[in-house]
Amino acid sequence: MEKSLPLIRHRRIVVLSGSLDFGVGLGNLVLEDLALDESATLLKPLLGAQLGLELSDQWALGLRGDISGFNIGAAENLAWSIWAGARYRFAPSVALQLAYQYKDLDTGVGRASPNLALISLSMAFG
């Protein structure tokens, strides 16, 4: 049984941009072709760790967790996630992986939990 616990350090760069063009009419006052443009660039540091256990030549388990944002560059942008999964290797180059992710986001206007289930069949060539 082989164990590993690497530390994950990563930086996400998020570029947001939006524009809105509109016209307004209030009685005799008509304002047309009004434009609003906004953009922002956020640097979101990410820290995490993962643990992988090779149970046999066929079976492996994995667990990963991370936290990002730390409210740097935005009023509220803290997020964390946990992944748990299993892999079964049919042959040295063919494996099936099942995983689930629980994620929690603090967006400033509310909280969101976009969860994800993953089924993956991988094949290596060469």
C-alpha atoms as a PDB file:
ATOM      1  CA  MET A   1       0.000   0.000   0.000  1.00  0.00           C
ATOM      2  CA  GLU A   2       1.506   3.314  -1.094  1.00  0.00           C
ATOM      3  CA  LYS A   3       0.573   6.635   0.572  1.00  0.00           C
ATOM      4  CA  SER A   4       1.202  10.209  -0.497  1.00  0.00           C
ATOM      5  CA  LEU A   5       0.169  13.627   0.865  1.00  0.00           C
ATOM      6  CA  PRO A   6       1.346  16.415  -1.436  1.00  0.00           C
ATOM      7  CA  LEU A   7       0.528  20.025  -0.596  1.00  0.00           C
ATOM      8  CA  ILE A   8      -1.269  21.923  -3.346  1.00  0.00           C
ATOM      9  CA  ARG A   9      -0.347  25.569  -3.911  1.00  0.00           C
ATOM     10  CA  HIS A  10      -1.959  27.347  -6.798  1.00  0.00           C
ATOM     11  CA  ARG A  11      -3.084  30.787  -7.937  1.00  0.00           C
ATOM     12  CA  ARG A  12      -6.219  31.347  -9.958  1.00  0.00           C
ATOM     13  CA  ILE A  13      -6.473  34.488 -12.024  1.00  0.00           C
ATOM     14  CA  VAL A  14     -10.086  35.438 -12.681  1.00  0.00           C
ATOM     15  CA  VAL A  15     -10.853  38.127 -15.271  1.00  0.00           C
ATOM     16  CA  LEU A  16     -14.412  39.466 -15.214  1.00  0.00           C
ATOM     17  CA  SER A  17     -15.802  41.844 -17.805  1.00  0.00           C
ATOM     18  CA  GLY A  18     -19.269  43.089 -18.615  1.00  0.00           C
ATOM     19  CA  SER A  19     -21.004  45.773 -20.622  1.00  0.00           C
ATOM     20  CA  LEU A  20     -24.545  47.068 -20.958  1.00  0.00           C
ATOM     21  CA  ASP A  21     -25.900  49.337 -23.703  1.00  0.00           C
ATOM     22  CA  PHE A  22     -29.341  50.874 -23.277  1.00  0.00           C
ATOM     23  CA  GLY A  23     -31.560  53.899 -23.945  1.00  0.00           C
ATOM     24  CA  VAL A  24     -33.891  55.753 -21.573  1.00  0.00           C
ATOM     25  CA  GLY A  25     -36.863  57.978 -22.355  1.00  0.00           C
ATOM     26  CA  LEU A  26     -38.507  60.142 -19.657  1.00  0.00           C
ATOM     27  CA  GLY A  27     -41.092  62.483 -21.191  1.00  0.00           C
ATOM     28  CA  ASN A  28     -39.231  65.008 -23.354  1.00  0.00           C
ATOM     29  CA  LEU A  29     -35.850  63.824 -22.040  1.00  0.00           C
ATOM     30  CA  VAL A  30     -34.454  61.026 -24.201  1.00  0.00           C
ATOM     31  CA  LEU A  31     -31.088  59.492 -23.477  1.00  0.00           C
ATOM     32  CA  GLU A  32     -29.922  56.953 -26.034  1.00  0.00           C
ATOM     33  CA  ASP A  33     -26.870  54.772 -26.455  1.00  0.00           C
ATOM     34  CA  LEU A  34     -25.863  54.838 -22.811  1.00  0.00           C
ATOM     35  CA  ALA A  35     -23.079  52.388 -22.073  1.00  0.00           C
ATOM     36  CA  LEU A  36     -21.749  50.898 -18.877  1.00  0.00           C
ATOM     37  CA  ASP A  37     -18.500  48.938 -18.923  1.00  0.00           C
ATOM     38  CA  GLU A  38     -16.881  47.295 -15.918  1.00  0.00           C
ATOM     39  CA  SER A  39     -14.033  44.844 -15.557  1.00  0.00           C
ATOM     40  CA  ALA A  40     -11.984  43.378 -12.730  1.00  0.00           C
ATOM     41  CA  THR A  41      -9.053  41.007 -12.346  1.00  0.00           C
ATOM     42  CA  LEU A  42      -8.810  38.924  -9.195  1.00  0.00           C
ATOM     43  CA  LEU A  43      -5.879  36.861  -7.968  1.00  0.00           C
ATOM     44  CA  LYS A  44      -7.261  33.980  -5.919  1.00  0.00           C
ATOM     45  CA  PRO A  45      -4.681  31.957  -3.982  1.00  0.00           C
ATOM     46  CA  LEU A  46      -5.549  28.304  -3.404  1.00  0.00           C
ATOM     47  CA  LEU A  47      -4.192  25.982  -0.718  1.00  0.00           C
ATOM     48  CA  GLY A  48      -5.024  22.323  -0.381  1.00  0.00           C
ATOM     49  CA  ALA A  49      -3.831  18.790   0.098  1.00  0.00           C
ATOM     50  CA  GLN A  50      -4.610  15.387  -1.347  1.00  0.00           C
ATOM     51  CA  LEU A  51      -4.216  11.862  -0.127  1.00  0.00           C
ATOM     52  CA  GLY A  52      -3.972   8.878  -2.454  1.00  0.00           C
ATOM     53  CA  LEU A  53      -4.031   5.247  -1.381  1.00  0.00           C
ATOM     54  CA  GLU A  54      -3.052   2.471  -3.824  1.00  0.00           C
ATOM     55  CA  LEU A  55      -4.873  -0.484  -2.278  1.00  0.00           C
ATOM     56  CA  SER A  56      -3.796  -2.964  -4.966  1.00  0.00           C
ATOM     57  CA  ASP A  57      -2.763  -3.017  -8.624  1.00  0.00           C
ATOM     58  CA  GLN A  58      -6.427  -2.453  -9.529  1.00  0.00           C
ATOM     59  CA  TRP A  59      -7.935  -0.357  -6.713  1.00  0.00           C
ATOM     60  CA  ALA A  60      -7.066   3.148  -5.482  1.00  0.00           C
ATOM     61  CA  LEU A  61      -8.821   5.709  -3.289  1.00  0.00           C
ATOM     62  CA  GLY A  62      -8.308   9.451  -3.229  1.00  0.00           C
ATOM     63  CA  LEU A  63      -9.291  12.438  -1.087  1.00  0.00           C
ATOM     64  CA  ARG A  64      -8.572  16.079  -1.890  1.00  0.00           C
ATOM     65  CA  GLY A  65      -9.516  19.311  -0.164  1.00  0.00           C
ATOM     66  CA  ASP A  66      -8.782  22.941  -0.925  1.00  0.00           C
ATOM     67  CA  ILE A  67      -9.685  26.468   0.095  1.00  0.00           C
ATOM     68  CA  SER A  68      -9.322  29.527  -2.122  1.00  0.00           C
ATOM     69  CA  GLY A  69     -10.061  33.226  -2.320  1.00  0.00           C
ATOM     70  CA  PHE A  70      -9.339  34.382   1.228  1.00  0.00           C
ATOM     71  CA  ASN A  71     -11.362  37.564   0.446  1.00  0.00           C
ATOM     72  CA  ILE A  72      -8.420  39.066  -1.455  1.00  0.00           C
ATOM     73  CA  GLY A  73      -9.428  41.569  -4.150  1.00  0.00           C
ATOM     74  CA  ALA A  74     -13.177  41.228  -3.612  1.00  0.00           C
ATOM     75  CA  ALA A  75     -15.659  41.879  -0.851  1.00  0.00           C
ATOM     76  CA  GLU A  76     -16.485  38.187  -0.479  1.00  0.00           C
ATOM     77  CA  ASN A  77     -14.935  35.367  -2.497  1.00  0.00           C
ATOM     78  CA  LEU A  78     -14.115  32.490  -0.202  1.00  0.00           C
ATOM     79  CA  ALA A  79     -14.560  28.959  -1.551  1.00  0.00           C
ATOM     80  CA  TRP A  80     -13.671  25.477  -0.386  1.00  0.00           C
ATOM     81  CA  SER A  81     -14.162  22.018  -1.817  1.00  0.00           C
ATOM     82  CA  ILE A  82     -13.696  18.358  -0.949  1.00  0.00           C
ATOM     83  CA  TRP A  83     -13.248  15.572  -3.513  1.00  0.00           C
ATOM     84  CA  ALA A  84     -13.553  11.870  -2.717  1.00  0.00           C
ATOM     85  CA  GLY A  85     -13.095   9.152  -5.304  1.00  0.00           C
ATOM     86  CA  ALA A  86     -12.174   5.626  -6.246  1.00  0.00           C
ATOM     87  CA  ARG A  87     -10.392   4.164  -9.276  1.00  0.00           C
ATOM     88  CA  TYR A  88     -10.495   0.650 -10.706  1.00  0.00           C
ATOM     89  CA  ARG A  89      -7.821  -0.264 -13.258  1.00  0.00           C
ATOM     90  CA  PHE A  90      -9.016  -2.917 -15.738  1.00  0.00           C
ATOM     91  CA  ALA A  91      -5.606  -3.077 -17.430  1.00  0.00           C
ATOM     92  CA  PRO A  92      -2.372  -1.068 -17.144  1.00  0.00           C
ATOM     93  CA  SER A  93      -3.744   1.446 -19.664  1.00  0.00           C
ATOM     94  CA  VAL A  94      -7.532   1.399 -18.902  1.00  0.00           C
ATOM     95  CA  ALA A  95      -9.146   2.707 -15.702  1.00  0.00           C
ATOM     96  CA  LEU A  96     -12.592   3.720 -14.462  1.00  0.00           C
ATOM     97  CA  GLN A  97     -12.793   6.543 -11.926  1.00  0.00           C
ATOM     98  CA  LEU A  98     -15.775   7.588  -9.793  1.00  0.00           C
ATOM     99  CA  ALA A  99     -15.596  10.790  -7.737  1.00  0.00           C
ATOM    100  CA  TYR A 100     -17.806  13.297  -5.949  1.00  0.00           C
ATOM    101  CA  GLN A 101     -17.073  16.952  -5.182  1.00  0.00           C
ATOM    102  CA  TYR A 102     -18.757  19.052  -2.516  1.00  0.00           C
ATOM    103  CA  LYS A 103     -18.081  22.757  -2.957  1.00  0.00           C
ATOM    104  CA  ASP A 104     -19.136  25.791  -0.917  1.00  0.00           C
ATOM    105  CA  LEU A 105     -18.910  29.329  -2.338  1.00  0.00           C
ATOM    106  CA  ASP A 106     -19.440  32.642  -0.561  1.00  0.00           C
ATOM    107  CA  THR A 107     -20.301  34.976  -3.442  1.00  0.00           C
ATOM    108  CA  GLY A 108     -21.106  38.181  -1.554  1.00  0.00           C
ATOM    109  CA  VAL A 109     -24.788  37.993  -2.529  1.00  0.00           C
ATOM    110  CA  GLY A 110     -25.331  34.554  -1.048  1.00  0.00           C
ATOM    111  CA  ARG A 111     -23.928  31.098  -0.678  1.00  0.00           C
ATOM    112  CA  ALA A 112     -23.832  28.416  -3.340  1.00  0.00           C
ATOM    113  CA  SER A 113     -22.996  24.718  -3.222  1.00  0.00           C
ATOM    114  CA  PRO A 114     -22.470  23.448  -6.790  1.00  0.00           C
ATOM    115  CA  ASN A 115     -21.802  19.743  -6.220  1.00  0.00           C
ATOM    116  CA  LEU A 116     -20.449  17.453  -8.915  1.00  0.00           C
ATOM    117  CA  ALA A 117     -20.422  13.707  -9.552  1.00  0.00           C
ATOM    118  CA  LEU A 118     -17.769  12.432 -11.978  1.00  0.00           C
ATOM    119  CA  ILE A 119     -17.534   9.185 -13.915  1.00  0.00           C
ATOM    120  CA  SER A 120     -14.401   8.878 -16.029  1.00  0.00           C
ATOM    121  CA  LEU A 121     -13.035   6.145 -18.274  1.00  0.00           C
ATOM    122  CA  SER A 122      -9.396   6.760 -19.167  1.00  0.00           C
ATOM    123  CA  MET A 123      -7.180   5.007 -21.683  1.00  0.00           C
ATOM    124  CA  ALA A 124      -3.468   5.566 -22.148  1.00  0.00           C
ATOM    125  CA  PHE A 125      -1.857   5.066 -25.550  1.00  0.00           C
ATOM    126  CA  GLY A 126       1.798   4.612 -26.304  1.00  0.00           C
END
